[in-house]
Amino acid sequence: MLEAPLTRRALRARRESRTPFAHRAATFGVALGLAGLTALGAVTPAIAAQSPVSPTVSAAKGSATDTLLAISEQAQATLDAAHTALGVASTVEADIAASGLDVGVVDTSIDTDALQGAIDQLSALDLLPALMLPDITDATATETKQVLARSAVLRDRLDAAEAKKAAEEAAAKAAAEAQKAAEEAAAKAAADAAAVAAALAITNTPEGAQATAAQLASANYGWGSDEFSCLVSLWNKESGWNYQAYNDSSGATGIPQALPGSKMASAGSDWESNATTQIVWGLGYIASVYGSPCSAWSHSEATSWY
């Protein structure tokens, strides 16, 4: 006898239990279609008892069941994709709002009303007439595609805005670090200059100049305290160890009384303001001309010049 019409919830079980014979009759079942399946369900038990269903009719019913199952499965897959699209749209809108960035468009909303309406229709999967499912499924798929396309455009704009912000922040950080480094370098240079100036101020005193001369005489020429004693006497007589000493009559200049003073430029360009430069030149002059400070002092005592 004929079976009662199947619900879509029972289609999968029906598909799994279908007989091999029904497989062989699939072509005829497709031709019969859903209308045929409906008609078969209307046959009364009495008529079914008098006229058993032929193998061909059973195959047609099985094929229609397969078709309805495929439609239902496609509808469910489309429904799942639509729900995913809603989630994607909601996330994009929330991310744009949270970023506070200008993404280049005034309207950053994603219209999901039509998609939500399609979802509501398709959600009544077990209540819809089978012949309406394909159209509703197609409409839902179309709305899903549109929502995803709009979401993709806004996501790309947000990504671009975030990349721009990151680049600007990196540039600002680099500039700040460069400024800090420049300030630190300037501060160090100023500190070094101050240290040099302080050292120079000490060296440029008669006491500081003598201490510097003692150190250089020992380190550079190996002259001991006896030679240094002669040097002290010599330059006491010449300049009083004053780096600014100047002889108006001869033009001799500085602690060693170089004549002219510009000779001392060979020891450094700061010869006019730096006692150390004058001492370096003076020690070199004594070593090359007299061999030692005591020899230079002896010559000075005999001639009043060296």
C-alpha atoms as a PDB file:
ATOM      1  CA  MET A   1       0.000   0.000   0.000  1.00  0.00           C
ATOM      2  CA  LEU A   2       1.045   3.671  -0.420  1.00  0.00           C
ATOM      3  CA  GLU A   3       3.069   5.399   2.301  1.00  0.00           C
ATOM      4  CA  ALA A   4       1.836   8.608   3.962  1.00  0.00           C
ATOM      5  CA  PRO A   5       3.457  11.896   2.667  1.00  0.00           C
ATOM      6  CA  LEU A   6       6.835  12.541   4.262  1.00  0.00           C
ATOM      7  CA  THR A   7       7.841  15.645   6.248  1.00  0.00           C
ATOM      8  CA  ARG A   8      11.210  17.240   5.503  1.00  0.00           C
ATOM      9  CA  ARG A   9      12.437  16.214   8.927  1.00  0.00           C
ATOM     10  CA  ALA A  10      12.042  12.589   7.886  1.00  0.00           C
ATOM     11  CA  LEU A  11      13.627  13.020   4.450  1.00  0.00           C
ATOM     12  CA  ARG A  12      17.162  12.182   5.495  1.00  0.00           C
ATOM     13  CA  ALA A  13      16.053   8.932   7.155  1.00  0.00           C
ATOM     14  CA  ARG A  14      14.029   8.133   4.052  1.00  0.00           C
ATOM     15  CA  ARG A  15      17.012   8.750   1.863  1.00  0.00           C
ATOM     16  CA  GLU A  16      19.246   6.470   3.893  1.00  0.00           C
ATOM     17  CA  SER A  17      16.691   3.599   3.822  1.00  0.00           C
ATOM     18  CA  ARG A  18      15.816   3.837   0.093  1.00  0.00           C
ATOM     19  CA  THR A  19      15.877   0.515  -1.806  1.00  0.00           C
ATOM     20  CA  PRO A  20      18.267  -0.168  -4.703  1.00  0.00           C
ATOM     21  CA  PHE A  21      15.276  -0.480  -6.963  1.00  0.00           C
ATOM     22  CA  ALA A  22      14.239   3.073  -6.228  1.00  0.00           C
ATOM     23  CA  HIS A  23      17.728   4.224  -7.334  1.00  0.00           C
ATOM     24  CA  ARG A  24      17.242   2.598 -10.705  1.00  0.00           C
ATOM     25  CA  ALA A  25      13.960   4.461 -11.202  1.00  0.00           C
ATOM     26  CA  ALA A  26      15.320   7.915 -10.317  1.00  0.00           C
ATOM     27  CA  THR A  27      14.891   9.456 -13.769  1.00  0.00           C
ATOM     28  CA  PHE A  28      11.198   8.835 -13.825  1.00  0.00           C
ATOM     29  CA  GLY A  29      10.845  10.216 -10.291  1.00  0.00           C
ATOM     30  CA  VAL A  30      12.399  13.542 -11.280  1.00  0.00           C
ATOM     31  CA  ALA A  31       9.974  13.835 -14.173  1.00  0.00           C
ATOM     32  CA  LEU A  32       7.142  13.145 -11.805  1.00  0.00           C
ATOM     33  CA  GLY A  33       8.334  16.007  -9.539  1.00  0.00           C
ATOM     34  CA  LEU A  34       6.869  17.366  -6.385  1.00  0.00           C
ATOM     35  CA  ALA A  35       3.373  17.473  -7.820  1.00  0.00           C
ATOM     36  CA  GLY A  36       3.539  13.740  -8.380  1.00  0.00           C
ATOM     37  CA  LEU A  37       4.677  13.194  -4.824  1.00  0.00           C
ATOM     38  CA  THR A  38       1.709  15.206  -3.578  1.00  0.00           C
ATOM     39  CA  ALA A  39      -0.694  13.237  -5.740  1.00  0.00           C
ATOM     40  CA  LEU A  40       0.666   9.953  -4.482  1.00  0.00           C
ATOM     41  CA  GLY A  41       0.069  11.044  -0.950  1.00  0.00           C
ATOM     42  CA  ALA A  42      -3.601  11.627  -1.773  1.00  0.00           C
ATOM     43  CA  VAL A  43      -4.351   8.020  -2.766  1.00  0.00           C
ATOM     44  CA  THR A  44      -6.804   6.431  -0.335  1.00  0.00           C
ATOM     45  CA  PRO A  45      -5.989   3.168   1.497  1.00  0.00           C
ATOM     46  CA  ALA A  46      -8.924   1.403  -0.186  1.00  0.00           C
ATOM     47  CA  ILE A  47      -7.706   2.185  -3.691  1.00  0.00           C
ATOM     48  CA  ALA A  48      -4.173   1.265  -2.661  1.00  0.00           C
ATOM     49  CA  ALA A  49      -5.449  -2.145  -1.518  1.00  0.00           C
ATOM     50  CA  GLN A  50      -7.185  -2.794  -4.845  1.00  0.00           C
ATOM     51  CA  SER A  51      -4.345  -1.397  -7.000  1.00  0.00           C
ATOM     52  CA  PRO A  52      -0.899  -1.930  -5.437  1.00  0.00           C
ATOM     53  CA  VAL A  53       1.679   0.731  -6.295  1.00  0.00           C
ATOM     54  CA  SER A  54       3.847  -0.321  -9.207  1.00  0.00           C
ATOM     55  CA  PRO A  55       7.677  -0.364  -8.892  1.00  0.00           C
ATOM     56  CA  THR A  56       7.838   2.655 -11.264  1.00  0.00           C
ATOM     57  CA  VAL A  57       5.637   4.797  -9.025  1.00  0.00           C
ATOM     58  CA  SER A  58       7.669   3.833  -5.935  1.00  0.00           C
ATOM     59  CA  ALA A  59      10.863   4.917  -7.706  1.00  0.00           C
ATOM     60  CA  ALA A  60       9.276   8.239  -8.650  1.00  0.00           C
ATOM     61  CA  LYS A  61       8.366   8.896  -5.072  1.00  0.00           C
ATOM     62  CA  GLY A  62      11.920   8.089  -3.935  1.00  0.00           C
ATOM     63  CA  SER A  63      13.417  10.468  -6.529  1.00  0.00           C
ATOM     64  CA  ALA A  64      11.097  13.287  -5.470  1.00  0.00           C
ATOM     65  CA  THR A  65      12.148  12.666  -1.894  1.00  0.00           C
ATOM     66  CA  ASP A  66      15.777  13.089  -2.945  1.00  0.00           C
ATOM     67  CA  THR A  67      14.952  16.372  -4.684  1.00  0.00           C
ATOM     68  CA  LEU A  68      13.118  17.733  -1.667  1.00  0.00           C
ATOM     69  CA  LEU A  69      15.987  16.703   0.614  1.00  0.00           C
ATOM     70  CA  ALA A  70      18.506  18.502  -1.609  1.00  0.00           C
ATOM     71  CA  ILE A  71      16.367  21.656  -1.591  1.00  0.00           C
ATOM     72  CA  SER A  72      16.100  21.523   2.190  1.00  0.00           C
ATOM     73  CA  GLU A  73      19.833  21.027   2.652  1.00  0.00           C
ATOM     74  CA  GLN A  74      20.614  23.964   0.325  1.00  0.00           C
ATOM     75  CA  ALA A  75      18.161  26.130   2.236  1.00  0.00           C
ATOM     76  CA  GLN A  76      19.797  25.234   5.551  1.00  0.00           C
ATOM     77  CA  ALA A  77      23.291  25.961   4.203  1.00  0.00           C
ATOM     78  CA  THR A  78      22.109  29.328   2.873  1.00  0.00           C
ATOM     79  CA  LEU A  79      20.516  30.115   6.233  1.00  0.00           C
ATOM     80  CA  ASP A  80      23.786  29.351   8.036  1.00  0.00           C
ATOM     81  CA  ALA A  81      25.722  31.586   5.642  1.00  0.00           C
ATOM     82  CA  ALA A  82      23.200  34.385   6.179  1.00  0.00           C
ATOM     83  CA  HIS A  83      23.628  34.226   9.939  1.00  0.00           C
ATOM     84  CA  THR A  84      27.406  34.370   9.456  1.00  0.00           C
ATOM     85  CA  ALA A  85      27.023  37.467   7.261  1.00  0.00           C
ATOM     86  CA  LEU A  86      25.009  39.167   9.992  1.00  0.00           C
ATOM     87  CA  GLY A  87      27.819  38.475  12.457  1.00  0.00           C
ATOM     88  CA  VAL A  88      30.448  39.810  10.059  1.00  0.00           C
ATOM     89  CA  ALA A  89      28.468  43.009   9.485  1.00  0.00           C
ATOM     90  CA  SER A  90      27.942  43.554  13.205  1.00  0.00           C
ATOM     91  CA  THR A  91      31.666  43.061  13.912  1.00  0.00           C
ATOM     92  CA  VAL A  92      32.744  45.507  11.194  1.00  0.00           C
ATOM     93  CA  GLU A  93      30.351  48.199  12.443  1.00  0.00           C
ATOM     94  CA  ALA A  94      31.517  47.713  16.030  1.00  0.00           C
ATOM     95  CA  ASP A  95      35.210  47.819  15.053  1.00  0.00           C
ATOM     96  CA  ILE A  96      34.765  51.060  13.106  1.00  0.00           C
ATOM     97  CA  ALA A  97      32.891  52.662  15.989  1.00  0.00           C
ATOM     98  CA  ALA A  98      35.511  51.539  18.518  1.00  0.00           C
ATOM     99  CA  SER A  99      38.414  52.797  16.391  1.00  0.00           C
ATOM    100  CA  GLY A 100      37.097  56.352  16.162  1.00  0.00           C
ATOM    101  CA  LEU A 101      38.901  56.653  12.826  1.00  0.00           C
ATOM    102  CA  ASP A 102      37.816  58.413   9.655  1.00  0.00           C
ATOM    103  CA  VAL A 103      37.357  55.610   7.128  1.00  0.00           C
ATOM    104  CA  GLY A 104      36.560  57.956   4.276  1.00  0.00           C
ATOM    105  CA  VAL A 105      32.783  57.550   4.162  1.00  0.00           C
ATOM    106  CA  VAL A 106      30.070  59.345   6.064  1.00  0.00           C
ATOM    107  CA  ASP A 107      27.769  56.338   6.363  1.00  0.00           C
ATOM    108  CA  THR A 108      29.537  53.418   8.001  1.00  0.00           C
ATOM    109  CA  SER A 109      26.387  51.392   8.616  1.00  0.00           C
ATOM    110  CA  ILE A 110      25.531  48.109   6.911  1.00  0.00           C
ATOM    111  CA  ASP A 111      21.862  47.670   5.983  1.00  0.00           C
ATOM    112  CA  THR A 112      20.894  44.148   7.076  1.00  0.00           C
ATOM    113  CA  ASP A 113      17.126  44.628   7.228  1.00  0.00           C
ATOM    114  CA  ALA A 114      16.448  42.795   3.981  1.00  0.00           C
ATOM    115  CA  LEU A 115      18.788  39.982   4.974  1.00  0.00           C
ATOM    116  CA  GLN A 116      17.141  39.674   8.377  1.00  0.00           C
ATOM    117  CA  GLY A 117      13.725  39.471   6.692  1.00  0.00           C
ATOM    118  CA  ALA A 118      14.975  36.719   4.395  1.00  0.00           C
ATOM    119  CA  ILE A 119      16.408  34.868   7.368  1.00  0.00           C
ATOM    120  CA  ASP A 120      13.093  35.110   9.183  1.00  0.00           C
ATOM    121  CA  GLN A 121      11.315  33.578   6.177  1.00  0.00           C
ATOM    122  CA  LEU A 122      13.866  30.853   5.666  1.00  0.00           C
ATOM    123  CA  SER A 123      13.953  30.010   9.358  1.00  0.00           C
ATOM    124  CA  ALA A 124      10.436  28.573   8.992  1.00  0.00           C
ATOM    125  CA  LEU A 125      12.005  25.791   6.947  1.00  0.00           C
ATOM    126  CA  ASP A 126       9.682  23.043   8.154  1.00  0.00           C
ATOM    127  CA  LEU A 127       6.572  25.155   7.631  1.00  0.00           C
ATOM    128  CA  LEU A 128       7.162  26.515   4.125  1.00  0.00           C
ATOM    129  CA  PRO A 129       5.678  24.847   1.066  1.00  0.00           C
ATOM    130  CA  ALA A 130       8.442  22.985  -0.745  1.00  0.00           C
ATOM    131  CA  LEU A 131       7.923  24.874  -4.004  1.00  0.00           C
ATOM    132  CA  MET A 132       8.655  28.226  -2.253  1.00  0.00           C
ATOM    133  CA  LEU A 133      11.995  27.157  -0.799  1.00  0.00           C
ATOM    134  CA  PRO A 134      14.201  27.670  -3.895  1.00  0.00           C
ATOM    135  CA  ASP A 135      13.022  31.260  -4.452  1.00  0.00           C
ATOM    136  CA  ILE A 136      13.406  32.195  -0.786  1.00  0.00           C
ATOM    137  CA  THR A 137      16.803  30.481  -0.681  1.00  0.00           C
ATOM    138  CA  ASP A 138      17.981  32.414  -3.737  1.00  0.00           C
ATOM    139  CA  ALA A 139      16.733  35.702  -2.281  1.00  0.00           C
ATOM    140  CA  THR A 140      18.521  35.002   0.989  1.00  0.00           C
ATOM    141  CA  ALA A 141      21.745  34.146  -0.841  1.00  0.00           C
ATOM    142  CA  THR A 142      21.530  37.421  -2.800  1.00  0.00           C
ATOM    143  CA  GLU A 143      21.039  39.505   0.349  1.00  0.00           C
ATOM    144  CA  THR A 144      23.883  37.605   2.025  1.00  0.00           C
ATOM    145  CA  LYS A 145      26.226  38.449  -0.849  1.00  0.00           C
ATOM    146  CA  GLN A 146      25.294  42.133  -0.707  1.00  0.00           C
ATOM    147  CA  VAL A 147      25.845  42.363   3.055  1.00  0.00           C
ATOM    148  CA  LEU A 148      29.206  40.606   2.783  1.00  0.00           C
ATOM    149  CA  ALA A 149      30.274  42.878  -0.071  1.00  0.00           C
ATOM    150  CA  ARG A 150      29.410  46.013   1.924  1.00  0.00           C
ATOM    151  CA  SER A 151      31.174  44.568   4.981  1.00  0.00           C
ATOM    152  CA  ALA A 152      34.292  43.855   2.906  1.00  0.00           C
ATOM    153  CA  VAL A 153      34.411  47.433   1.581  1.00  0.00           C
ATOM    154  CA  LEU A 154      34.136  48.919   5.062  1.00  0.00           C
ATOM    155  CA  ARG A 155      36.667  46.444   6.475  1.00  0.00           C
ATOM    156  CA  ASP A 156      39.169  47.451   3.778  1.00  0.00           C
ATOM    157  CA  ARG A 157      38.625  51.127   4.587  1.00  0.00           C
ATOM    158  CA  LEU A 158      39.083  50.474   8.303  1.00  0.00           C
ATOM    159  CA  ASP A 159      42.279  48.515   7.648  1.00  0.00           C
ATOM    160  CA  ALA A 160      43.599  51.388   5.531  1.00  0.00           C
ATOM    161  CA  ALA A 161      42.711  53.943   8.218  1.00  0.00           C
ATOM    162  CA  GLU A 162      44.396  51.849  10.903  1.00  0.00           C
ATOM    163  CA  ALA A 163      47.509  51.429   8.737  1.00  0.00           C
ATOM    164  CA  LYS A 164      47.628  55.205   8.175  1.00  0.00           C
ATOM    165  CA  LYS A 165      47.270  55.855  11.896  1.00  0.00           C
ATOM    166  CA  ALA A 166      50.012  53.340  12.696  1.00  0.00           C
ATOM    167  CA  ALA A 167      52.339  54.987  10.154  1.00  0.00           C
ATOM    168  CA  GLU A 168      51.628  58.436  11.576  1.00  0.00           C
ATOM    169  CA  GLU A 169      52.236  57.220  15.123  1.00  0.00           C
ATOM    170  CA  ALA A 170      55.490  55.540  14.061  1.00  0.00           C
ATOM    171  CA  ALA A 171      56.638  58.736  12.330  1.00  0.00           C
ATOM    172  CA  ALA A 172      55.723  60.829  15.381  1.00  0.00           C
ATOM    173  CA  LYS A 173      57.574  58.414  17.662  1.00  0.00           C
ATOM    174  CA  ALA A 174      60.646  58.489  15.427  1.00  0.00           C
ATOM    175  CA  ALA A 175      60.569  62.288  15.362  1.00  0.00           C
ATOM    176  CA  ALA A 176      60.227  62.432  19.140  1.00  0.00           C
ATOM    177  CA  GLU A 177      63.118  60.023  19.584  1.00  0.00           C
ATOM    178  CA  ALA A 178      65.250  62.030  17.142  1.00  0.00           C
ATOM    179  CA  GLN A 179      64.407  65.232  18.997  1.00  0.00           C
ATOM    180  CA  LYS A 180      65.275  63.616  22.309  1.00  0.00           C
ATOM    181  CA  ALA A 181      68.565  62.315  20.916  1.00  0.00           C
ATOM    182  CA  ALA A 182      69.394  65.767  19.542  1.00  0.00           C
ATOM    183  CA  GLU A 183      68.616  67.390  22.871  1.00  0.00           C
ATOM    184  CA  GLU A 184      70.719  64.838  24.723  1.00  0.00           C
ATOM    185  CA  ALA A 185      73.593  65.362  22.278  1.00  0.00           C
ATOM    186  CA  ALA A 186      73.329  69.124  22.697  1.00  0.00           C
ATOM    187  CA  ALA A 187      73.267  68.768  26.462  1.00  0.00           C
ATOM    188  CA  LYS A 188      76.324  66.508  26.370  1.00  0.00           C
ATOM    189  CA  ALA A 189      78.148  68.906  24.067  1.00  0.00           C
ATOM    190  CA  ALA A 190      77.326  71.763  26.401  1.00  0.00           C
ATOM    191  CA  ALA A 191      78.506  69.755  29.393  1.00  0.00           C
ATOM    192  CA  ASP A 192      81.716  68.810  27.599  1.00  0.00           C
ATOM    193  CA  ALA A 193      82.293  72.424  26.620  1.00  0.00           C
ATOM    194  CA  ALA A 194      81.687  73.499  30.168  1.00  0.00           C
ATOM    195  CA  ALA A 195      84.149  70.886  31.424  1.00  0.00           C
ATOM    196  CA  VAL A 196      86.744  72.026  28.899  1.00  0.00           C
ATOM    197  CA  ALA A 197      86.162  75.635  29.847  1.00  0.00           C
ATOM    198  CA  ALA A 198      86.526  74.795  33.522  1.00  0.00           C
ATOM    199  CA  ALA A 199      89.718  72.859  32.883  1.00  0.00           C
ATOM    200  CA  LEU A 200      91.012  75.644  30.698  1.00  0.00           C
ATOM    201  CA  ALA A 201      90.267  78.206  33.374  1.00  0.00           C
ATOM    202  CA  ILE A 202      92.380  76.196  35.791  1.00  0.00           C
ATOM    203  CA  THR A 203      95.171  75.586  33.272  1.00  0.00           C
ATOM    204  CA  ASN A 204      95.323  79.245  32.347  1.00  0.00           C
ATOM    205  CA  THR A 205      96.299  80.275  35.876  1.00  0.00           C
ATOM    206  CA  PRO A 206     100.065  80.422  36.647  1.00  0.00           C
ATOM    207  CA  GLU A 207      99.690  77.510  39.064  1.00  0.00           C
ATOM    208  CA  GLY A 208      97.666  75.465  36.574  1.00  0.00           C
ATOM    209  CA  ALA A 209     100.111  76.227  33.774  1.00  0.00           C
ATOM    210  CA  GLN A 210     103.052  75.041  35.895  1.00  0.00           C
ATOM    211  CA  ALA A 211     101.231  71.814  36.819  1.00  0.00           C
ATOM    212  CA  THR A 212     100.502  71.167  33.148  1.00  0.00           C
ATOM    213  CA  ALA A 213     104.117  71.928  32.174  1.00  0.00           C
ATOM    214  CA  ALA A 214     105.469  69.541  34.827  1.00  0.00           C
ATOM    215  CA  GLN A 215     103.282  66.739  33.559  1.00  0.00           C
ATOM    216  CA  LEU A 216     104.123  67.301  29.878  1.00  0.00           C
ATOM    217  CA  ALA A 217     107.872  67.748  30.540  1.00  0.00           C
ATOM    218  CA  SER A 218     108.022  64.401  32.311  1.00  0.00           C
ATOM    219  CA  ALA A 219     105.701  62.479  29.971  1.00  0.00           C
ATOM    220  CA  ASN A 220     106.986  63.792  26.638  1.00  0.00           C
ATOM    221  CA  TYR A 221     110.675  64.461  27.362  1.00  0.00           C
ATOM    222  CA  GLY A 222     111.579  62.575  30.518  1.00  0.00           C
ATOM    223  CA  TRP A 223     112.664  65.732  32.310  1.00  0.00           C
ATOM    224  CA  GLY A 224     112.690  65.437  36.067  1.00  0.00           C
ATOM    225  CA  SER A 225     112.296  67.934  38.877  1.00  0.00           C
ATOM    226  CA  ASP A 226     115.739  69.489  38.361  1.00  0.00           C
ATOM    227  CA  GLU A 227     114.978  70.362  34.740  1.00  0.00           C
ATOM    228  CA  PHE A 228     111.508  71.510  35.714  1.00  0.00           C
ATOM    229  CA  SER A 229     113.022  73.835  38.311  1.00  0.00           C
ATOM    230  CA  CYS A 230     115.063  75.473  35.532  1.00  0.00           C
ATOM    231  CA  LEU A 231     111.888  75.750  33.413  1.00  0.00           C
ATOM    232  CA  VAL A 232     110.041  77.499  36.243  1.00  0.00           C
ATOM    233  CA  SER A 233     112.855  80.015  36.590  1.00  0.00           C
ATOM    234  CA  LEU A 234     113.044  80.589  32.837  1.00  0.00           C
ATOM    235  CA  TRP A 235     109.362  81.263  32.265  1.00  0.00           C
ATOM    236  CA  ASN A 236     109.013  83.214  35.501  1.00  0.00           C
ATOM    237  CA  LYS A 237     111.558  85.599  34.007  1.00  0.00           C
ATOM    238  CA  GLU A 238     109.950  85.626  30.537  1.00  0.00           C
ATOM    239  CA  SER A 239     106.239  85.929  31.378  1.00  0.00           C
ATOM    240  CA  GLY A 240     105.494  85.064  34.979  1.00  0.00           C
ATOM    241  CA  TRP A 241     103.602  82.051  33.516  1.00  0.00           C
ATOM    242  CA  ASN A 242     100.922  84.420  32.202  1.00  0.00           C
ATOM    243  CA  TYR A 243      99.432  83.087  28.962  1.00  0.00           C
ATOM    244  CA  GLN A 244      98.332  86.636  28.083  1.00  0.00           C
ATOM    245  CA  ALA A 245     101.808  88.165  28.491  1.00  0.00           C
ATOM    246  CA  TYR A 246     102.868  90.416  25.629  1.00  0.00           C
ATOM    247  CA  ASN A 247     106.086  92.386  25.100  1.00  0.00           C
ATOM    248  CA  ASP A 248     105.199  95.710  23.509  1.00  0.00           C
ATOM    249  CA  SER A 249     108.725  96.396  22.321  1.00  0.00           C
ATOM    250  CA  SER A 250     109.475  93.020  20.720  1.00  0.00           C
ATOM    251  CA  GLY A 251     106.063  91.488  20.158  1.00  0.00           C
ATOM    252  CA  ALA A 252     106.976  88.308  22.079  1.00  0.00           C
ATOM    253  CA  THR A 253     103.818  86.576  23.257  1.00  0.00           C
ATOM    254  CA  GLY A 254     102.556  84.143  25.843  1.00  0.00           C
ATOM    255  CA  ILE A 255     104.182  82.009  28.529  1.00  0.00           C
ATOM    256  CA  PRO A 256     107.237  81.048  26.433  1.00  0.00           C
ATOM    257  CA  GLN A 257     107.392  84.537  24.835  1.00  0.00           C
ATOM    258  CA  ALA A 258     107.323  83.242  21.266  1.00  0.00           C
ATOM    259  CA  LEU A 259     108.468  85.775  18.706  1.00  0.00           C
ATOM    260  CA  PRO A 260     106.227  86.268  16.897  1.00  0.00           C
ATOM    261  CA  GLY A 261     103.387  84.678  18.836  1.00  0.00           C
ATOM    262  CA  SER A 262     101.867  83.191  15.706  1.00  0.00           C
ATOM    263  CA  LYS A 263     104.672  80.589  15.722  1.00  0.00           C
ATOM    264  CA  MET A 264     102.694  78.796  18.418  1.00  0.00           C
ATOM    265  CA  ALA A 265      99.895  78.065  15.894  1.00  0.00           C
ATOM    266  CA  SER A 266     101.918  74.958  14.951  1.00  0.00           C
ATOM    267  CA  ALA A 267     100.870  73.534  18.324  1.00  0.00           C
ATOM    268  CA  GLY A 268      97.217  74.542  18.023  1.00  0.00           C
ATOM    269  CA  SER A 269      94.900  77.166  16.642  1.00  0.00           C
ATOM    270  CA  ASP A 270      93.910  78.221  20.168  1.00  0.00           C
ATOM    271  CA  TRP A 271      97.435  79.378  21.017  1.00  0.00           C
ATOM    272  CA  GLU A 272      96.209  82.845  21.993  1.00  0.00           C
ATOM    273  CA  SER A 273      93.757  81.592  24.612  1.00  0.00           C
ATOM    274  CA  ASN A 274      95.124  78.248  25.831  1.00  0.00           C
ATOM    275  CA  ALA A 275      98.123  78.012  28.135  1.00  0.00           C
ATOM    276  CA  THR A 276      98.518  74.296  27.365  1.00  0.00           C
ATOM    277  CA  THR A 277      98.998  75.000  23.662  1.00  0.00           C
ATOM    278  CA  GLN A 278     101.648  77.594  24.493  1.00  0.00           C
ATOM    279  CA  ILE A 279     103.411  75.162  26.853  1.00  0.00           C
ATOM    280  CA  VAL A 280     103.424  72.387  24.252  1.00  0.00           C
ATOM    281  CA  TRP A 281     105.049  74.731  21.747  1.00  0.00           C
ATOM    282  CA  GLY A 282     107.509  76.163  24.310  1.00  0.00           C
ATOM    283  CA  LEU A 283     108.723  72.722  25.477  1.00  0.00           C
ATOM    284  CA  GLY A 284     109.206  71.677  21.872  1.00  0.00           C
ATOM    285  CA  TYR A 285     111.202  74.822  21.136  1.00  0.00           C
ATOM    286  CA  ILE A 286     113.480  74.314  24.166  1.00  0.00           C
ATOM    287  CA  ALA A 287     114.079  70.655  23.308  1.00  0.00           C
ATOM    288  CA  SER A 288     114.935  71.383  19.658  1.00  0.00           C
ATOM    289  CA  VAL A 289     117.124  74.465  20.268  1.00  0.00           C
ATOM    290  CA  TYR A 290     118.736  73.853  23.689  1.00  0.00           C
ATOM    291  CA  GLY A 291     118.090  70.200  24.479  1.00  0.00           C
ATOM    292  CA  SER A 292     116.803  70.898  27.998  1.00  0.00           C
ATOM    293  CA  PRO A 293     115.276  73.627  30.184  1.00  0.00           C
ATOM    294  CA  CYS A 294     118.470  74.019  32.229  1.00  0.00           C
ATOM    295  CA  SER A 295     120.507  74.695  29.056  1.00  0.00           C
ATOM    296  CA  ALA A 296     117.928  77.254  27.968  1.00  0.00           C
ATOM    297  CA  TRP A 297     118.018  78.860  31.425  1.00  0.00           C
ATOM    298  CA  SER A 298     121.805  79.096  31.366  1.00  0.00           C
ATOM    299  CA  HIS A 299     121.647  80.810  27.970  1.00  0.00           C
ATOM    300  CA  SER A 300     118.991  83.203  29.249  1.00  0.00           C
ATOM    301  CA  GLU A 301     121.073  84.103  32.288  1.00  0.00           C
ATOM    302  CA  ALA A 302     124.075  84.826  30.085  1.00  0.00           C
ATOM    303  CA  THR A 303     122.267  86.777  27.347  1.00  0.00           C
ATOM    304  CA  SER A 304     118.894  87.741  28.848  1.00  0.00           C
ATOM    305  CA  TRP A 305     117.102  85.904  26.067  1.00  0.00           C
ATOM    306  CA  TYR A 306     116.770  82.338  24.870  1.00  0.00           C
END
